[in-house]
Amino acid sequence: QVQLVESGGGLVQAGGSLRLSCVASARTFSSYAMGWFRQAPGKEREFVGAISGSGGRTYYEDSKKGRFTISRDNAKNTVYLQMSGLKPEDTAVYYCAADSSFIASRASRPRSYDYWGQGTQVTVSS
C-alpha cells in the first residue's frame, strides 16, 4: 500500500505560479511512475502529465506543455508539479497518482494508476 499526500495548492492570481508537491510512503519510490491529474467541478478527471520512475522521461497533455513541469526527487520520495502562467481555467483539485507498471501510451488513463492522493485545491483568480 502506498500513501500519497499532495500539498502546495492555494489561491493565486492569473499569470502567477505554484509548485505542488506529492510525498509518497513507498519504500521503493523509484519503481513507481507518477502522474498528475486534475478535476474541476462538474468535469471528468483530466491528465496533466507524468514522469517515469527514474525521472528521465516526462509526458504532458499537449495543452500543458510549456507551462507545467513535472520533476521528482527520489531521495525525498517526492514528485513536483511546477505550474506557471496560471489561468482561471486551471482551477481544479490536483491529484498525484502512482503507477507500478507504467506504460507510456497509457499514462493519460486514470485507471492505469494504482494509488491516488487526496488532492489539493488550486484556485486561479482573474
Foldseek 3Di string as FASTA:
>chain_A
DKAKAKDWADEAAAQAKTKMKIAIPDPQLLLWKKFKWWDDPPDDIWGAKIAHSVRPDIGGDVVNPPFWDWGDDRVRRMIMIIGGNDDQVVWTWMKMFIANDDDPVCRGPPVRTDDIYPTDTHGYHD
